[in-house]
Amino acid sequence: MNVTEVRVRLIKKDDSKLRAVASITIDDCFVVHDVKVIEGSDGCFIAMPSKKTPEGEYKDIVHPLNTETRELVSKSVLAEYEKAKLASQ
């Protein structure tokens, strides 16, 4: 599996930990929208698209099934986020 494209839209809200929203393309044939880049206490991390259940919990709609794939997606999105952040300055 290859992440063939990442599009990042920066979010500029000072009162939010949400820093960007990304779309990733996998193998030039599958797109995942609304991957969030969130500022945490140890730096930025990604959150996969999710929906709120009737009980008030959030459940991922799409997510990697193994650590290797999660790391590939995370590194790809965070690298593009850093590029977009530098370009906007």
N, C-alpha and C. Protein backbone atom coordinates (compact mmCIF):
# COMPACT_ATOMS: atom_id res chain seq x y z
N MET A 1 0.84 -1.18 0.00
CA MET A 1 0.00 0.00 0.00
C MET A 1 0.88 1.23 0.00
N ASN A 2 0.49 2.22 -0.79
CA ASN A 2 1.21 3.49 -0.84
C ASN A 2 0.23 4.64 -0.69
N VAL A 3 0.63 5.64 0.08
CA VAL A 3 -0.11 6.89 0.14
C VAL A 3 0.41 7.71 -1.03
N THR A 4 -0.41 7.87 -2.05
CA THR A 4 0.05 8.52 -3.28
C THR A 4 -0.21 10.01 -3.33
N GLU A 5 -1.08 10.50 -2.46
CA GLU A 5 -1.32 11.95 -2.40
C GLU A 5 -1.88 12.32 -1.03
N VAL A 6 -1.45 13.48 -0.55
CA VAL A 6 -1.99 14.03 0.69
C VAL A 6 -2.30 15.49 0.44
N ARG A 7 -3.52 15.90 0.72
CA ARG A 7 -3.92 17.30 0.62
C ARG A 7 -4.26 17.79 2.03
N VAL A 8 -3.67 18.92 2.39
CA VAL A 8 -3.84 19.44 3.75
C VAL A 8 -4.47 20.83 3.69
N ARG A 9 -5.48 21.04 4.52
CA ARG A 9 -6.10 22.36 4.68
C ARG A 9 -5.85 22.80 6.11
N LEU A 10 -5.05 23.86 6.27
CA LEU A 10 -4.73 24.37 7.59
C LEU A 10 -5.96 25.01 8.24
N ILE A 11 -6.08 24.85 9.54
CA ILE A 11 -7.16 25.45 10.32
C ILE A 11 -6.52 26.48 11.24
N LYS A 12 -6.97 27.72 11.14
CA LYS A 12 -6.37 28.80 11.94
C LYS A 12 -7.35 29.29 12.98
N LYS A 13 -7.50 28.51 14.03
CA LYS A 13 -8.33 28.90 15.17
C LYS A 13 -7.46 28.80 16.40
N ASP A 14 -7.22 29.93 17.06
CA ASP A 14 -6.34 29.95 18.21
C ASP A 14 -6.90 29.18 19.41
N ASP A 15 -8.21 29.05 19.51
CA ASP A 15 -8.82 28.40 20.65
C ASP A 15 -9.08 26.91 20.44
N SER A 16 -8.49 26.33 19.40
CA SER A 16 -8.72 24.93 19.07
C SER A 16 -7.40 24.17 18.95
N LYS A 17 -7.43 22.90 19.29
CA LYS A 17 -6.26 22.04 19.12
C LYS A 17 -6.20 21.46 17.71
N LEU A 18 -7.28 21.62 16.94
CA LEU A 18 -7.32 21.16 15.56
C LEU A 18 -6.44 22.07 14.71
N ARG A 19 -5.44 21.53 14.07
CA ARG A 19 -4.50 22.32 13.28
C ARG A 19 -4.72 22.22 11.78
N ALA A 20 -5.26 21.07 11.32
CA ALA A 20 -5.47 20.88 9.89
C ALA A 20 -6.43 19.72 9.66
N VAL A 21 -6.97 19.69 8.44
CA VAL A 21 -7.78 18.56 8.00
C VAL A 21 -7.17 18.10 6.68
N ALA A 22 -7.00 16.79 6.54
CA ALA A 22 -6.32 16.25 5.36
C ALA A 22 -7.20 15.24 4.64
N SER A 23 -6.90 15.06 3.36
CA SER A 23 -7.45 13.97 2.56
C SER A 23 -6.27 13.18 2.04
N ILE A 24 -6.36 11.87 2.11
CA ILE A 24 -5.27 11.04 1.60
C ILE A 24 -5.79 10.16 0.47
N THR A 25 -4.94 9.94 -0.52
CA THR A 25 -5.25 9.02 -1.61
C THR A 25 -4.34 7.82 -1.45
N ILE A 26 -4.91 6.65 -1.53
CA ILE A 26 -4.17 5.40 -1.38
C ILE A 26 -4.12 4.71 -2.73
N ASP A 27 -2.90 4.40 -3.18
CA ASP A 27 -2.67 3.68 -4.44
C ASP A 27 -3.42 4.29 -5.63
N ASP A 28 -3.56 5.60 -5.64
CA ASP A 28 -4.23 6.32 -6.74
C ASP A 28 -5.65 5.82 -7.01
N CYS A 29 -6.29 5.17 -6.01
CA CYS A 29 -7.62 4.64 -6.30
C CYS A 29 -8.60 4.70 -5.13
N PHE A 30 -8.16 5.13 -3.95
CA PHE A 30 -9.06 5.18 -2.79
C PHE A 30 -8.74 6.43 -1.99
N VAL A 31 -9.77 7.23 -1.66
CA VAL A 31 -9.57 8.49 -0.95
C VAL A 31 -10.24 8.43 0.42
N VAL A 32 -9.53 8.97 1.42
CA VAL A 32 -10.09 9.10 2.76
C VAL A 32 -10.06 10.59 3.09
N HIS A 33 -11.23 11.18 3.35
CA HIS A 33 -11.34 12.59 3.69
C HIS A 33 -11.44 12.75 5.21
N ASP A 34 -11.19 13.95 5.67
CA ASP A 34 -11.39 14.36 7.07
C ASP A 34 -10.47 13.67 8.07
N VAL A 35 -9.21 13.45 7.67
CA VAL A 35 -8.20 13.02 8.62
C VAL A 35 -7.75 14.29 9.34
N LYS A 36 -7.87 14.30 10.66
CA LYS A 36 -7.57 15.52 11.42
C LYS A 36 -6.16 15.51 11.97
N VAL A 37 -5.50 16.67 11.93
CA VAL A 37 -4.20 16.87 12.59
C VAL A 37 -4.49 17.65 13.86
N ILE A 38 -4.15 17.05 15.00
CA ILE A 38 -4.47 17.63 16.30
C ILE A 38 -3.19 17.87 17.09
N GLU A 39 -3.13 19.05 17.74
CA GLU A 39 -1.98 19.40 18.59
C GLU A 39 -2.18 18.76 19.96
N GLY A 40 -1.27 17.87 20.32
CA GLY A 40 -1.33 17.22 21.63
C GLY A 40 -0.20 17.71 22.51
N SER A 41 -0.11 17.19 23.71
CA SER A 41 0.94 17.61 24.65
C SER A 41 2.33 17.17 24.19
N ASP A 42 2.40 16.11 23.38
CA ASP A 42 3.68 15.61 22.88
C ASP A 42 3.87 15.91 21.39
N GLY A 43 3.18 16.90 20.87
CA GLY A 43 3.28 17.23 19.45
C GLY A 43 2.00 16.84 18.72
N CYS A 44 2.05 16.96 17.41
CA CYS A 44 0.86 16.69 16.59
C CYS A 44 0.67 15.20 16.36
N PHE A 45 -0.59 14.81 16.22
CA PHE A 45 -0.94 13.44 15.86
C PHE A 45 -2.16 13.51 14.96
N ILE A 46 -2.47 12.38 14.31
CA ILE A 46 -3.64 12.36 13.43
C ILE A 46 -4.79 11.62 14.11
N ALA A 47 -6.00 11.99 13.72
CA ALA A 47 -7.21 11.29 14.14
C ALA A 47 -7.98 10.95 12.86
N MET A 48 -8.36 9.71 12.75
CA MET A 48 -9.08 9.26 11.57
C MET A 48 -10.52 9.77 11.60
N PRO A 49 -11.20 9.78 10.44
CA PRO A 49 -12.59 10.24 10.39
C PRO A 49 -13.46 9.43 11.35
N SER A 50 -14.36 10.11 12.05
CA SER A 50 -15.20 9.42 13.02
C SER A 50 -16.60 10.01 13.02
N LYS A 51 -17.50 9.29 13.69
CA LYS A 51 -18.87 9.79 13.86
C LYS A 51 -19.26 9.60 15.31
N LYS A 52 -20.19 10.41 15.76
CA LYS A 52 -20.66 10.35 17.14
C LYS A 52 -21.81 9.35 17.24
N THR A 53 -21.71 8.45 18.21
CA THR A 53 -22.76 7.46 18.42
C THR A 53 -23.88 8.08 19.27
N PRO A 54 -25.04 7.45 19.31
CA PRO A 54 -26.14 7.96 20.16
C PRO A 54 -25.74 8.05 21.64
N GLU A 55 -24.76 7.26 22.07
CA GLU A 55 -24.29 7.29 23.46
C GLU A 55 -23.30 8.42 23.71
N GLY A 56 -22.92 9.15 22.65
CA GLY A 56 -22.00 10.27 22.81
C GLY A 56 -20.54 9.93 22.58
N GLU A 57 -20.25 8.68 22.25
CA GLU A 57 -18.87 8.27 21.96
C GLU A 57 -18.56 8.57 20.49
N TYR A 58 -17.27 8.69 20.18
CA TYR A 58 -16.84 8.83 18.80
C TYR A 58 -16.22 7.53 18.34
N LYS A 59 -16.64 7.03 17.19
CA LYS A 59 -16.12 5.79 16.61
C LYS A 59 -15.52 6.10 15.25
N ASP A 60 -14.31 5.56 14.99
CA ASP A 60 -13.69 5.74 13.68
C ASP A 60 -14.54 5.11 12.60
N ILE A 61 -14.65 5.82 11.48
CA ILE A 61 -15.36 5.29 10.31
C ILE A 61 -14.39 4.48 9.46
N VAL A 62 -13.17 4.99 9.35
CA VAL A 62 -12.10 4.35 8.59
C VAL A 62 -10.87 4.35 9.47
N HIS A 63 -10.14 3.26 9.47
CA HIS A 63 -8.90 3.23 10.25
C HIS A 63 -7.99 2.11 9.77
N PRO A 64 -6.67 2.28 9.96
CA PRO A 64 -5.72 1.22 9.61
C PRO A 64 -5.90 0.01 10.52
N LEU A 65 -5.61 -1.16 9.99
CA LEU A 65 -5.77 -2.38 10.77
C LEU A 65 -4.50 -2.81 11.48
N ASN A 66 -3.36 -2.21 11.12
CA ASN A 66 -2.13 -2.60 11.78
C ASN A 66 -1.22 -1.39 12.01
N THR A 67 -0.24 -1.58 12.86
CA THR A 67 0.66 -0.49 13.26
C THR A 67 1.45 0.05 12.08
N GLU A 68 1.92 -0.81 11.21
CA GLU A 68 2.71 -0.39 10.05
C GLU A 68 1.92 0.58 9.17
N THR A 69 0.68 0.25 8.90
CA THR A 69 -0.15 1.11 8.06
C THR A 69 -0.47 2.42 8.77
N ARG A 70 -0.78 2.35 10.07
CA ARG A 70 -1.06 3.57 10.84
C ARG A 70 0.15 4.50 10.80
N GLU A 71 1.35 3.97 10.98
CA GLU A 71 2.56 4.80 10.95
C GLU A 71 2.78 5.41 9.57
N LEU A 72 2.53 4.64 8.51
CA LEU A 72 2.68 5.16 7.14
C LEU A 72 1.74 6.33 6.91
N VAL A 73 0.48 6.17 7.29
CA VAL A 73 -0.51 7.24 7.11
C VAL A 73 -0.14 8.44 7.96
N SER A 74 0.21 8.21 9.20
CA SER A 74 0.56 9.30 10.12
C SER A 74 1.77 10.09 9.62
N LYS A 75 2.83 9.40 9.24
CA LYS A 75 4.03 10.08 8.74
C LYS A 75 3.74 10.88 7.48
N SER A 76 2.95 10.32 6.58
CA SER A 76 2.62 11.00 5.33
C SER A 76 1.83 12.28 5.59
N VAL A 77 0.81 12.19 6.43
CA VAL A 77 -0.03 13.35 6.71
C VAL A 77 0.75 14.41 7.49
N LEU A 78 1.49 14.00 8.51
CA LEU A 78 2.23 14.98 9.31
C LEU A 78 3.34 15.66 8.51
N ALA A 79 3.96 14.94 7.58
CA ALA A 79 4.99 15.55 6.72
C ALA A 79 4.37 16.63 5.83
N GLU A 80 3.22 16.34 5.24
CA GLU A 80 2.54 17.34 4.40
C GLU A 80 2.03 18.51 5.23
N TYR A 81 1.60 18.24 6.44
CA TYR A 81 1.16 19.31 7.34
C TYR A 81 2.32 20.26 7.62
N GLU A 82 3.49 19.72 7.91
CA GLU A 82 4.66 20.57 8.17
C GLU A 82 5.02 21.41 6.94
N LYS A 83 4.95 20.81 5.76
CA LYS A 83 5.22 21.56 4.52
C LYS A 83 4.21 22.69 4.34
N ALA A 84 2.93 22.40 4.56
CA ALA A 84 1.88 23.42 4.40
C ALA A 84 2.07 24.53 5.43
N LYS A 85 2.45 24.17 6.64
CA LYS A 85 2.67 25.16 7.69
C LYS A 85 3.82 26.10 7.32
N LEU A 86 4.91 25.54 6.82
CA LEU A 86 6.05 26.36 6.39
C LEU A 86 5.68 27.26 5.21
N ALA A 87 4.92 26.72 4.27
CA ALA A 87 4.54 27.50 3.09
C ALA A 87 3.62 28.66 3.44
N SER A 88 2.85 28.52 4.53
CA SER A 88 1.91 29.59 4.89
C SER A 88 2.58 30.73 5.67
N GLN A 89 3.80 30.52 6.11
CA GLN A 89 4.49 31.55 6.90
C GLN A 89 5.18 32.58 6.05
